[in-house]
Amino acid sequence: MKVSVITTVRNGAATLATCLESVAFQLRRSPRGQEFEIEHVVVDGLSTDGSVELARAYPATVRQLVSEPDRGIYDGMNKGLALATGEVAGFLNADDFFFRPDALGQVVDVFSGDTDTCYGQVLGVDPGRPERIRRVWPAVPYRRSRFRFGWMPPHPTFFARLEAYRRFGFLRLDLGSAADYELMLRFLYRHRLSSRCVPDLWIAMRLGGVSNATFGNRLRSNSFDRKAWKVNGLDPFPGFRILKPARKVPQFWRRPSRLVERDLVSFLHRTLSPSFPAVPGSGSAGQSSG
């Protein structure tokens, strides 16, 4: 099996190196013993800060690299989907990273069956101090009805068969920050594709997205969420507008296990700098559980 990981970037060299390293860091044998191939597709929006040169330094994993003008992150993601040649595809933002070496292996094991899509859990970390965990976005077992009450899978961990994108379409560019939400709604709720939850932490996501930067941005994002239902000819539960953002609040109270914290710091110590403070007893990567 080949897994395509799509990353879009524009002048993101400050965090891209960690993203690239985290893909190269992945084991090529799944926990169940399946060998697989990784194709990292990097779509650059004409960076001037050395991002392209960074991507070229990983020829073993960066199999596809383009640098050209685009209409934003979701346009870049669609370009990546068009270039991808794997059986399964997912996205990894330039400021996010896999901190466990078996994350993609777990994805491969899920897709060895007849599942159409899958998702795991996400750590939300401080943008400037990624060893500091601010949020844990848990993954609960998939139930289609959850969408009506404001639920969505943790989108940074969402993987789908590439055939699903070819059959049901790519990301819509007219929905702003709700483009990824609409895609999952379309795949899972409207077209009833199957999905499987893996209750494990795969990705660390630097917090500070534009959609949550101001109250006005949050309202705009909420209106796009509503539009995501309308463009699919669907109607959500009446309390949807309140329930969807409210679901995020408990995520800031959750704490991961000490093993997860050690895996995170161990990866950052290995990647960022030899001087990065290591956690005693780290090196348990691949052993932790969300």
C-alpha atoms as a PDB file:
ATOM      1  CA  MET A   1       0.000   0.000   0.000  1.00  0.00           C
ATOM      2  CA  LYS A   2       1.081   3.580  -0.645  1.00  0.00           C
ATOM      3  CA  VAL A   3      -0.027   6.442   1.616  1.00  0.00           C
ATOM      4  CA  SER A   4       0.026  10.000   0.270  1.00  0.00           C
ATOM      5  CA  VAL A   5       0.551  12.811   2.796  1.00  0.00           C
ATOM      6  CA  ILE A   6      -0.218  16.244   1.351  1.00  0.00           C
ATOM      7  CA  THR A   7       1.351  19.408   2.770  1.00  0.00           C
ATOM      8  CA  THR A   8       0.725  22.938   1.538  1.00  0.00           C
ATOM      9  CA  VAL A   9       3.108  25.723   2.469  1.00  0.00           C
ATOM     10  CA  ARG A  10       3.899  29.339   1.724  1.00  0.00           C
ATOM     11  CA  ASN A  11       6.840  30.875   3.574  1.00  0.00           C
ATOM     12  CA  GLY A  12       6.531  28.327   6.348  1.00  0.00           C
ATOM     13  CA  ALA A  13      10.177  27.336   6.725  1.00  0.00           C
ATOM     14  CA  ALA A  14      10.091  28.032  10.472  1.00  0.00           C
ATOM     15  CA  THR A  15       7.877  24.975  11.057  1.00  0.00           C
ATOM     16  CA  LEU A  16       8.108  23.031   7.785  1.00  0.00           C
ATOM     17  CA  ALA A  17      11.327  21.264   8.764  1.00  0.00           C
ATOM     18  CA  THR A  18       9.583  19.590  11.712  1.00  0.00           C
ATOM     19  CA  CYS A  19       6.664  18.594   9.478  1.00  0.00           C
ATOM     20  CA  LEU A  20       8.989  17.081   6.849  1.00  0.00           C
ATOM     21  CA  GLU A  21      11.067  15.293   9.450  1.00  0.00           C
ATOM     22  CA  SER A  22       7.968  13.819  11.072  1.00  0.00           C
ATOM     23  CA  VAL A  23       6.952  12.150   7.802  1.00  0.00           C
ATOM     24  CA  ALA A  24      10.471  10.850   7.188  1.00  0.00           C
ATOM     25  CA  PHE A  25      10.415   9.623  10.826  1.00  0.00           C
ATOM     26  CA  GLN A  26       7.558   7.213  10.105  1.00  0.00           C
ATOM     27  CA  LEU A  27       8.217   3.486  10.201  1.00  0.00           C
ATOM     28  CA  ARG A  28       7.615   1.660   6.915  1.00  0.00           C
ATOM     29  CA  ARG A  29       6.076  -1.377   8.586  1.00  0.00           C
ATOM     30  CA  SER A  30       2.705  -1.163  10.310  1.00  0.00           C
ATOM     31  CA  PRO A  31       2.021  -2.442  13.842  1.00  0.00           C
ATOM     32  CA  ARG A  32       0.465  -5.530  12.220  1.00  0.00           C
ATOM     33  CA  GLY A  33       3.535  -6.112  10.069  1.00  0.00           C
ATOM     34  CA  GLN A  34       2.398  -4.663   6.739  1.00  0.00           C
ATOM     35  CA  GLU A  35       5.076  -2.966   4.679  1.00  0.00           C
ATOM     36  CA  PHE A  36       3.980   0.227   2.950  1.00  0.00           C
ATOM     37  CA  GLU A  37       5.257   3.187   0.951  1.00  0.00           C
ATOM     38  CA  ILE A  38       5.049   6.877   1.830  1.00  0.00           C
ATOM     39  CA  GLU A  39       4.560   9.615  -0.740  1.00  0.00           C
ATOM     40  CA  HIS A  40       4.869  13.126   0.693  1.00  0.00           C
ATOM     41  CA  VAL A  41       3.308  15.633  -1.705  1.00  0.00           C
ATOM     42  CA  VAL A  42       4.438  19.198  -0.990  1.00  0.00           C
ATOM     43  CA  VAL A  43       2.578  22.044  -2.710  1.00  0.00           C
ATOM     44  CA  ASP A  44       4.360  25.372  -2.306  1.00  0.00           C
ATOM     45  CA  GLY A  45       2.781  28.742  -3.052  1.00  0.00           C
ATOM     46  CA  LEU A  46       5.971  30.422  -4.335  1.00  0.00           C
ATOM     47  CA  SER A  47       7.774  30.716  -1.010  1.00  0.00           C
ATOM     48  CA  THR A  48      10.747  33.056  -0.704  1.00  0.00           C
ATOM     49  CA  ASP A  49      12.054  31.824   2.662  1.00  0.00           C
ATOM     50  CA  GLY A  50      13.740  28.560   1.676  1.00  0.00           C
ATOM     51  CA  SER A  51      10.708  26.282   2.087  1.00  0.00           C
ATOM     52  CA  VAL A  52      11.263  24.688  -1.317  1.00  0.00           C
ATOM     53  CA  GLU A  53      14.909  23.984  -0.535  1.00  0.00           C
ATOM     54  CA  LEU A  54      13.865  22.342   2.739  1.00  0.00           C
ATOM     55  CA  ALA A  55      11.441  20.055   0.914  1.00  0.00           C
ATOM     56  CA  ARG A  56      14.114  19.084  -1.613  1.00  0.00           C
ATOM     57  CA  ALA A  57      16.288  17.882   1.269  1.00  0.00           C
ATOM     58  CA  TYR A  58      13.882  14.927   1.796  1.00  0.00           C
ATOM     59  CA  PRO A  59      13.936  13.083  -1.558  1.00  0.00           C
ATOM     60  CA  ALA A  60      13.203   9.701   0.060  1.00  0.00           C
ATOM     61  CA  THR A  61       9.740  10.841   1.162  1.00  0.00           C
ATOM     62  CA  VAL A  62       8.977  14.029  -0.811  1.00  0.00           C
ATOM     63  CA  ARG A  63       8.083  12.336  -4.080  1.00  0.00           C
ATOM     64  CA  GLN A  64       6.035  15.221  -5.489  1.00  0.00           C
ATOM     65  CA  LEU A  65       6.982  18.897  -5.171  1.00  0.00           C
ATOM     66  CA  VAL A  66       5.478  21.880  -6.991  1.00  0.00           C
ATOM     67  CA  SER A  67       5.984  25.599  -6.407  1.00  0.00           C
ATOM     68  CA  GLU A  68       3.547  27.918  -8.152  1.00  0.00           C
ATOM     69  CA  PRO A  69       0.867  30.523  -7.372  1.00  0.00           C
ATOM     70  CA  ASP A  70      -2.343  29.264  -5.779  1.00  0.00           C
ATOM     71  CA  ARG A  71      -5.594  30.599  -4.364  1.00  0.00           C
ATOM     72  CA  GLY A  72      -4.894  29.618  -0.785  1.00  0.00           C
ATOM     73  CA  ILE A  73      -4.426  26.538   1.367  1.00  0.00           C
ATOM     74  CA  TYR A  74      -7.436  24.585   0.096  1.00  0.00           C
ATOM     75  CA  ASP A  75      -6.518  25.210  -3.534  1.00  0.00           C
ATOM     76  CA  GLY A  76      -3.073  23.863  -2.672  1.00  0.00           C
ATOM     77  CA  MET A  77      -4.626  20.810  -1.033  1.00  0.00           C
ATOM     78  CA  ASN A  78      -6.658  20.131  -4.165  1.00  0.00           C
ATOM     79  CA  LYS A  79      -3.496  20.367  -6.249  1.00  0.00           C
ATOM     80  CA  GLY A  80      -1.912  17.847  -3.915  1.00  0.00           C
ATOM     81  CA  LEU A  81      -4.850  15.475  -4.307  1.00  0.00           C
ATOM     82  CA  ALA A  82      -4.528  15.723  -8.090  1.00  0.00           C
ATOM     83  CA  LEU A  83      -0.833  14.825  -7.853  1.00  0.00           C
ATOM     84  CA  ALA A  84      -1.209  12.035  -5.272  1.00  0.00           C
ATOM     85  CA  THR A  85      -0.749   8.446  -6.428  1.00  0.00           C
ATOM     86  CA  GLY A  86      -1.348   6.589  -3.168  1.00  0.00           C
ATOM     87  CA  GLU A  87      -4.317   4.404  -2.365  1.00  0.00           C
ATOM     88  CA  VAL A  88      -4.979   6.507   0.734  1.00  0.00           C
ATOM     89  CA  ALA A  89      -4.489  10.257   1.226  1.00  0.00           C
ATOM     90  CA  GLY A  90      -4.461  12.662   4.147  1.00  0.00           C
ATOM     91  CA  PHE A  91      -3.255  16.189   4.896  1.00  0.00           C
ATOM     92  CA  LEU A  92      -0.521  17.438   7.210  1.00  0.00           C
ATOM     93  CA  ASN A  93      -0.285  21.212   7.587  1.00  0.00           C
ATOM     94  CA  ALA A  94       3.171  22.758   7.407  1.00  0.00           C
ATOM     95  CA  ASP A  95       2.969  23.755  11.093  1.00  0.00           C
ATOM     96  CA  ASP A  96       1.713  20.338  12.274  1.00  0.00           C
ATOM     97  CA  PHE A  97       3.648  17.107  12.690  1.00  0.00           C
ATOM     98  CA  PHE A  98       3.423  13.404  13.479  1.00  0.00           C
ATOM     99  CA  PHE A  99       5.165  12.837  16.798  1.00  0.00           C
ATOM    100  CA  ARG A 100       4.857   9.049  16.847  1.00  0.00           C
ATOM    101  CA  PRO A 101       6.673   6.830  14.341  1.00  0.00           C
ATOM    102  CA  ASP A 102       3.768   4.395  13.953  1.00  0.00           C
ATOM    103  CA  ALA A 103       1.043   6.936  13.072  1.00  0.00           C
ATOM    104  CA  LEU A 104       0.928   6.146   9.346  1.00  0.00           C
ATOM    105  CA  GLY A 105       1.352   2.452  10.119  1.00  0.00           C
ATOM    106  CA  GLN A 106      -1.875   2.587  12.117  1.00  0.00           C
ATOM    107  CA  VAL A 107      -3.564   4.218   9.122  1.00  0.00           C
ATOM    108  CA  VAL A 108      -2.341   1.405   6.881  1.00  0.00           C
ATOM    109  CA  ASP A 109      -3.707  -1.242   9.242  1.00  0.00           C
ATOM    110  CA  VAL A 110      -7.135   0.409   9.213  1.00  0.00           C
ATOM    111  CA  PHE A 111      -7.259   0.479   5.414  1.00  0.00           C
ATOM    112  CA  SER A 112      -6.219  -3.148   5.095  1.00  0.00           C
ATOM    113  CA  GLY A 113      -9.939  -3.818   5.576  1.00  0.00           C
ATOM    114  CA  ASP A 114     -12.848  -2.354   3.663  1.00  0.00           C
ATOM    115  CA  THR A 115     -13.000   0.967   5.535  1.00  0.00           C
ATOM    116  CA  ASP A 116     -13.451   4.099   3.379  1.00  0.00           C
ATOM    117  CA  THR A 117     -12.064   6.650   5.863  1.00  0.00           C
ATOM    118  CA  CYS A 118     -10.495   6.865   9.317  1.00  0.00           C
ATOM    119  CA  TYR A 119      -9.406   9.388  11.927  1.00  0.00           C
ATOM    120  CA  GLY A 120      -7.396   9.539  15.155  1.00  0.00           C
ATOM    121  CA  GLN A 121      -6.740  12.052  17.937  1.00  0.00           C
ATOM    122  CA  VAL A 122      -4.876  15.365  17.967  1.00  0.00           C
ATOM    123  CA  LEU A 123      -2.698  17.226  20.439  1.00  0.00           C
ATOM    124  CA  GLY A 124      -3.030  21.007  20.363  1.00  0.00           C
ATOM    125  CA  VAL A 125       0.334  22.539  21.261  1.00  0.00           C
ATOM    126  CA  ASP A 126       1.666  26.021  21.882  1.00  0.00           C
ATOM    127  CA  PRO A 127       2.888  27.571  18.591  1.00  0.00           C
ATOM    128  CA  GLY A 128       6.154  28.841  20.048  1.00  0.00           C
ATOM    129  CA  ARG A 129       6.710  26.066  22.605  1.00  0.00           C
ATOM    130  CA  PRO A 130       5.367  22.893  20.969  1.00  0.00           C
ATOM    131  CA  GLU A 131       6.346  20.779  23.966  1.00  0.00           C
ATOM    132  CA  ARG A 132       3.547  22.536  25.894  1.00  0.00           C
ATOM    133  CA  ILE A 133       0.239  20.746  25.366  1.00  0.00           C
ATOM    134  CA  ARG A 134      -2.760  23.102  25.435  1.00  0.00           C
ATOM    135  CA  ARG A 135      -5.545  20.909  24.120  1.00  0.00           C
ATOM    136  CA  VAL A 136      -6.417  17.264  23.469  1.00  0.00           C
ATOM    137  CA  TRP A 137      -8.907  16.675  20.665  1.00  0.00           C
ATOM    138  CA  PRO A 138     -10.242  13.176  21.343  1.00  0.00           C
ATOM    139  CA  ALA A 139     -11.677  10.803  18.778  1.00  0.00           C
ATOM    140  CA  VAL A 140     -14.896   8.990  19.608  1.00  0.00           C
ATOM    141  CA  PRO A 141     -16.322   5.953  17.795  1.00  0.00           C
ATOM    142  CA  TYR A 142     -17.936   6.935  14.531  1.00  0.00           C
ATOM    143  CA  ARG A 143     -21.673   7.452  14.442  1.00  0.00           C
ATOM    144  CA  ARG A 144     -23.213   9.290  11.520  1.00  0.00           C
ATOM    145  CA  SER A 145     -25.862  10.917  13.738  1.00  0.00           C
ATOM    146  CA  ARG A 146     -23.203  12.801  15.741  1.00  0.00           C
ATOM    147  CA  PHE A 147     -22.820  15.281  12.875  1.00  0.00           C
ATOM    148  CA  ARG A 148     -26.293  16.670  13.552  1.00  0.00           C
ATOM    149  CA  PHE A 149     -25.212  17.764  17.029  1.00  0.00           C
ATOM    150  CA  GLY A 150     -22.077  19.670  16.062  1.00  0.00           C
ATOM    151  CA  TRP A 151     -19.558  16.828  16.082  1.00  0.00           C
ATOM    152  CA  MET A 152     -16.833  16.411  13.494  1.00  0.00           C
ATOM    153  CA  PRO A 153     -13.860  14.041  13.250  1.00  0.00           C
ATOM    154  CA  PRO A 154     -10.498  15.622  14.170  1.00  0.00           C
ATOM    155  CA  HIS A 155      -9.790  16.841  10.645  1.00  0.00           C
ATOM    156  CA  PRO A 156      -5.946  16.902  10.880  1.00  0.00           C
ATOM    157  CA  THR A 157      -6.047  13.095  11.221  1.00  0.00           C
ATOM    158  CA  PHE A 158      -8.681  12.398   8.554  1.00  0.00           C
ATOM    159  CA  PHE A 159      -7.571   9.908   5.888  1.00  0.00           C
ATOM    160  CA  ALA A 160      -9.658   8.633   2.989  1.00  0.00           C
ATOM    161  CA  ARG A 161      -9.185   6.390   0.012  1.00  0.00           C
ATOM    162  CA  LEU A 162      -8.097   8.483  -2.958  1.00  0.00           C
ATOM    163  CA  GLU A 163     -10.919   6.904  -4.935  1.00  0.00           C
ATOM    164  CA  ALA A 164     -13.404   8.669  -2.629  1.00  0.00           C
ATOM    165  CA  TYR A 165     -12.008  12.065  -3.644  1.00  0.00           C
ATOM    166  CA  ARG A 166     -12.202  11.138  -7.309  1.00  0.00           C
ATOM    167  CA  ARG A 167     -15.770   9.948  -6.899  1.00  0.00           C
ATOM    168  CA  PHE A 168     -17.247  12.584  -4.583  1.00  0.00           C
ATOM    169  CA  GLY A 169     -15.055  15.610  -5.238  1.00  0.00           C
ATOM    170  CA  PHE A 170     -12.239  17.639  -3.711  1.00  0.00           C
ATOM    171  CA  LEU A 171     -12.357  20.537  -1.248  1.00  0.00           C
ATOM    172  CA  ARG A 172     -14.688  23.441  -2.037  1.00  0.00           C
ATOM    173  CA  LEU A 173     -12.992  26.830  -2.235  1.00  0.00           C
ATOM    174  CA  ASP A 174     -16.152  28.831  -1.501  1.00  0.00           C
ATOM    175  CA  LEU A 175     -16.515  27.716   2.116  1.00  0.00           C
ATOM    176  CA  GLY A 176     -13.549  29.393   3.741  1.00  0.00           C
ATOM    177  CA  SER A 177     -12.358  27.693   6.916  1.00  0.00           C
ATOM    178  CA  ALA A 178     -15.209  25.144   6.724  1.00  0.00           C
ATOM    179  CA  ALA A 179     -13.822  23.479   3.584  1.00  0.00           C
ATOM    180  CA  ASP A 180     -12.446  20.483   5.472  1.00  0.00           C
ATOM    181  CA  TYR A 181     -15.604  20.227   7.581  1.00  0.00           C
ATOM    182  CA  GLU A 182     -17.806  20.243   4.472  1.00  0.00           C
ATOM    183  CA  LEU A 183     -15.680  17.548   2.848  1.00  0.00           C
ATOM    184  CA  MET A 184     -16.099  15.207   5.827  1.00  0.00           C
ATOM    185  CA  LEU A 185     -19.809  16.029   6.037  1.00  0.00           C
ATOM    186  CA  ARG A 186     -20.182  15.248   2.329  1.00  0.00           C
ATOM    187  CA  PHE A 187     -18.210  11.997   2.514  1.00  0.00           C
ATOM    188  CA  LEU A 188     -19.587  10.624   5.773  1.00  0.00           C
ATOM    189  CA  TYR A 189     -23.042  12.099   6.252  1.00  0.00           C
ATOM    190  CA  ARG A 190     -24.332  12.729   2.754  1.00  0.00           C
ATOM    191  CA  HIS A 191     -22.701   9.796   0.929  1.00  0.00           C
ATOM    192  CA  ARG A 192     -22.536   7.509   3.980  1.00  0.00           C
ATOM    193  CA  LEU A 193     -18.955   6.346   3.519  1.00  0.00           C
ATOM    194  CA  SER A 194     -17.730   4.097   6.296  1.00  0.00           C
ATOM    195  CA  SER A 195     -15.296   5.423   8.881  1.00  0.00           C
ATOM    196  CA  ARG A 196     -13.267   4.043  11.731  1.00  0.00           C
ATOM    197  CA  CYS A 197     -11.979   5.802  14.807  1.00  0.00           C
ATOM    198  CA  VAL A 198      -8.494   4.929  16.069  1.00  0.00           C
ATOM    199  CA  PRO A 199      -8.390   6.109  19.706  1.00  0.00           C
ATOM    200  CA  ASP A 200      -4.745   7.113  19.610  1.00  0.00           C
ATOM    201  CA  LEU A 201      -2.843  10.390  19.305  1.00  0.00           C
ATOM    202  CA  TRP A 202      -1.095  10.822  15.945  1.00  0.00           C
ATOM    203  CA  ILE A 203      -0.595  14.506  15.224  1.00  0.00           C
ATOM    204  CA  ALA A 204       0.511  17.598  17.129  1.00  0.00           C
ATOM    205  CA  MET A 205      -1.232  20.721  15.826  1.00  0.00           C
ATOM    206  CA  ARG A 206       0.130  24.169  16.598  1.00  0.00           C
ATOM    207  CA  LEU A 207      -2.775  26.272  17.856  1.00  0.00           C
ATOM    208  CA  GLY A 208      -3.656  29.713  16.560  1.00  0.00           C
ATOM    209  CA  GLY A 209      -5.693  29.129  13.386  1.00  0.00           C
ATOM    210  CA  VAL A 210      -7.184  32.131  11.591  1.00  0.00           C
ATOM    211  CA  SER A 211     -10.780  30.945  12.045  1.00  0.00           C
ATOM    212  CA  ASN A 212     -10.483  31.274  15.834  1.00  0.00           C
ATOM    213  CA  ALA A 213      -8.245  34.357  15.969  1.00  0.00           C
ATOM    214  CA  THR A 214     -11.074  36.828  16.663  1.00  0.00           C
ATOM    215  CA  PHE A 215     -14.733  36.704  17.644  1.00  0.00           C
ATOM    216  CA  GLY A 216     -15.644  37.992  14.187  1.00  0.00           C
ATOM    217  CA  ASN A 217     -13.652  35.214  12.537  1.00  0.00           C
ATOM    218  CA  ARG A 218     -15.399  32.669  14.755  1.00  0.00           C
ATOM    219  CA  LEU A 219     -18.822  33.978  13.689  1.00  0.00           C
ATOM    220  CA  ARG A 220     -17.770  33.905  10.042  1.00  0.00           C
ATOM    221  CA  SER A 221     -16.518  30.352  10.442  1.00  0.00           C
ATOM    222  CA  ASN A 222     -19.793  29.370  12.075  1.00  0.00           C
ATOM    223  CA  SER A 223     -21.743  30.746   9.117  1.00  0.00           C
ATOM    224  CA  PHE A 224     -19.546  28.729   6.758  1.00  0.00           C
ATOM    225  CA  ASP A 225     -20.279  25.606   8.849  1.00  0.00           C
ATOM    226  CA  ARG A 226     -23.988  26.220   8.341  1.00  0.00           C
ATOM    227  CA  LYS A 227     -23.463  26.751   4.623  1.00  0.00           C
ATOM    228  CA  ALA A 228     -21.659  23.393   4.455  1.00  0.00           C
ATOM    229  CA  TRP A 229     -24.977  21.719   5.259  1.00  0.00           C
ATOM    230  CA  LYS A 230     -26.955  23.855   2.836  1.00  0.00           C
ATOM    231  CA  VAL A 231     -24.732  23.160  -0.181  1.00  0.00           C
ATOM    232  CA  ASN A 232     -25.309  19.446   0.436  1.00  0.00           C
ATOM    233  CA  GLY A 233     -29.088  19.883   0.642  1.00  0.00           C
ATOM    234  CA  LEU A 234     -29.096  19.067   4.355  1.00  0.00           C
ATOM    235  CA  ASP A 235     -30.379  20.655   7.566  1.00  0.00           C
ATOM    236  CA  PRO A 236     -28.556  20.293  10.902  1.00  0.00           C
ATOM    237  CA  PHE A 237     -30.091  20.118  14.362  1.00  0.00           C
ATOM    238  CA  PRO A 238     -31.476  23.590  15.366  1.00  0.00           C
ATOM    239  CA  GLY A 239     -28.894  24.003  18.142  1.00  0.00           C
ATOM    240  CA  PHE A 240     -25.992  23.166  15.824  1.00  0.00           C
ATOM    241  CA  ARG A 241     -24.498  26.693  15.827  1.00  0.00           C
ATOM    242  CA  ILE A 242     -23.999  26.577  19.598  1.00  0.00           C
ATOM    243  CA  LEU A 243     -23.124  22.924  19.982  1.00  0.00           C
ATOM    244  CA  LYS A 244     -20.295  22.833  17.436  1.00  0.00           C
ATOM    245  CA  PRO A 245     -18.040  25.476  19.057  1.00  0.00           C
ATOM    246  CA  ALA A 246     -19.113  24.378  22.561  1.00  0.00           C
ATOM    247  CA  ARG A 247     -17.694  20.902  21.915  1.00  0.00           C
ATOM    248  CA  LYS A 248     -14.184  22.373  21.866  1.00  0.00           C
ATOM    249  CA  VAL A 249     -14.264  23.746  25.408  1.00  0.00           C
ATOM    250  CA  PRO A 250     -13.648  20.469  27.323  1.00  0.00           C
ATOM    251  CA  GLN A 251     -10.678  19.736  25.051  1.00  0.00           C
ATOM    252  CA  PHE A 252      -8.669  22.384  26.890  1.00  0.00           C
ATOM    253  CA  TRP A 253      -9.166  20.547  30.199  1.00  0.00           C
ATOM    254  CA  ARG A 254      -7.997  17.144  29.005  1.00  0.00           C
ATOM    255  CA  ARG A 255      -4.489  15.888  29.658  1.00  0.00           C
ATOM    256  CA  PRO A 256      -2.721  13.098  27.780  1.00  0.00           C
ATOM    257  CA  SER A 257      -0.816  10.316  29.478  1.00  0.00           C
ATOM    258  CA  ARG A 258       2.780  10.815  30.567  1.00  0.00           C
ATOM    259  CA  LEU A 259       3.863   8.423  27.817  1.00  0.00           C
ATOM    260  CA  VAL A 260       2.304  10.692  25.202  1.00  0.00           C
ATOM    261  CA  GLU A 261       4.052  13.711  26.717  1.00  0.00           C
ATOM    262  CA  ARG A 262       7.339  11.831  26.605  1.00  0.00           C
ATOM    263  CA  ASP A 263       6.836  10.800  22.994  1.00  0.00           C
ATOM    264  CA  LEU A 264       6.160  14.412  22.038  1.00  0.00           C
ATOM    265  CA  VAL A 265       9.220  15.816  23.799  1.00  0.00           C
ATOM    266  CA  SER A 266      11.398  12.941  22.577  1.00  0.00           C
ATOM    267  CA  PHE A 267      10.453  13.684  18.968  1.00  0.00           C
ATOM    268  CA  LEU A 268      11.037  17.431  19.391  1.00  0.00           C
ATOM    269  CA  HIS A 269      14.388  16.805  21.074  1.00  0.00           C
ATOM    270  CA  ARG A 270      15.401  14.612  18.137  1.00  0.00           C
ATOM    271  CA  THR A 271      14.164  17.071  15.511  1.00  0.00           C
ATOM    272  CA  LEU A 272      14.575  20.649  16.658  1.00  0.00           C
ATOM    273  CA  SER A 273      17.916  20.769  18.399  1.00  0.00           C
ATOM    274  CA  PRO A 274      20.301  18.654  20.464  1.00  0.00           C
ATOM    275  CA  SER A 275      19.878  21.301  23.159  1.00  0.00           C
ATOM    276  CA  PHE A 276      16.114  20.822  23.341  1.00  0.00           C
ATOM    277  CA  PRO A 277      15.337  19.501  26.862  1.00  0.00           C
ATOM    278  CA  ALA A 278      14.729  15.760  26.806  1.00  0.00           C
ATOM    279  CA  VAL A 279      12.376  14.048  29.224  1.00  0.00           C
ATOM    280  CA  PRO A 280      14.043  11.385  31.384  1.00  0.00           C
ATOM    281  CA  GLY A 281      12.863   7.975  30.318  1.00  0.00           C
ATOM    282  CA  SER A 282      11.758   9.159  26.868  1.00  0.00           C
ATOM    283  CA  GLY A 283      12.281   6.956  23.880  1.00  0.00           C
ATOM    284  CA  SER A 284       8.960   5.198  24.371  1.00  0.00           C
ATOM    285  CA  ALA A 285       7.756   6.307  20.920  1.00  0.00           C
ATOM    286  CA  GLY A 286       5.310   3.849  19.524  1.00  0.00           C
ATOM    287  CA  GLN A 287       4.354   2.583  22.976  1.00  0.00           C
ATOM    288  CA  SER A 288       2.035   5.320  24.116  1.00  0.00           C
ATOM    289  CA  SER A 289      -1.719   5.457  24.038  1.00  0.00           C
ATOM    290  CA  GLY A 290      -4.082   8.391  23.894  1.00  0.00           C
END
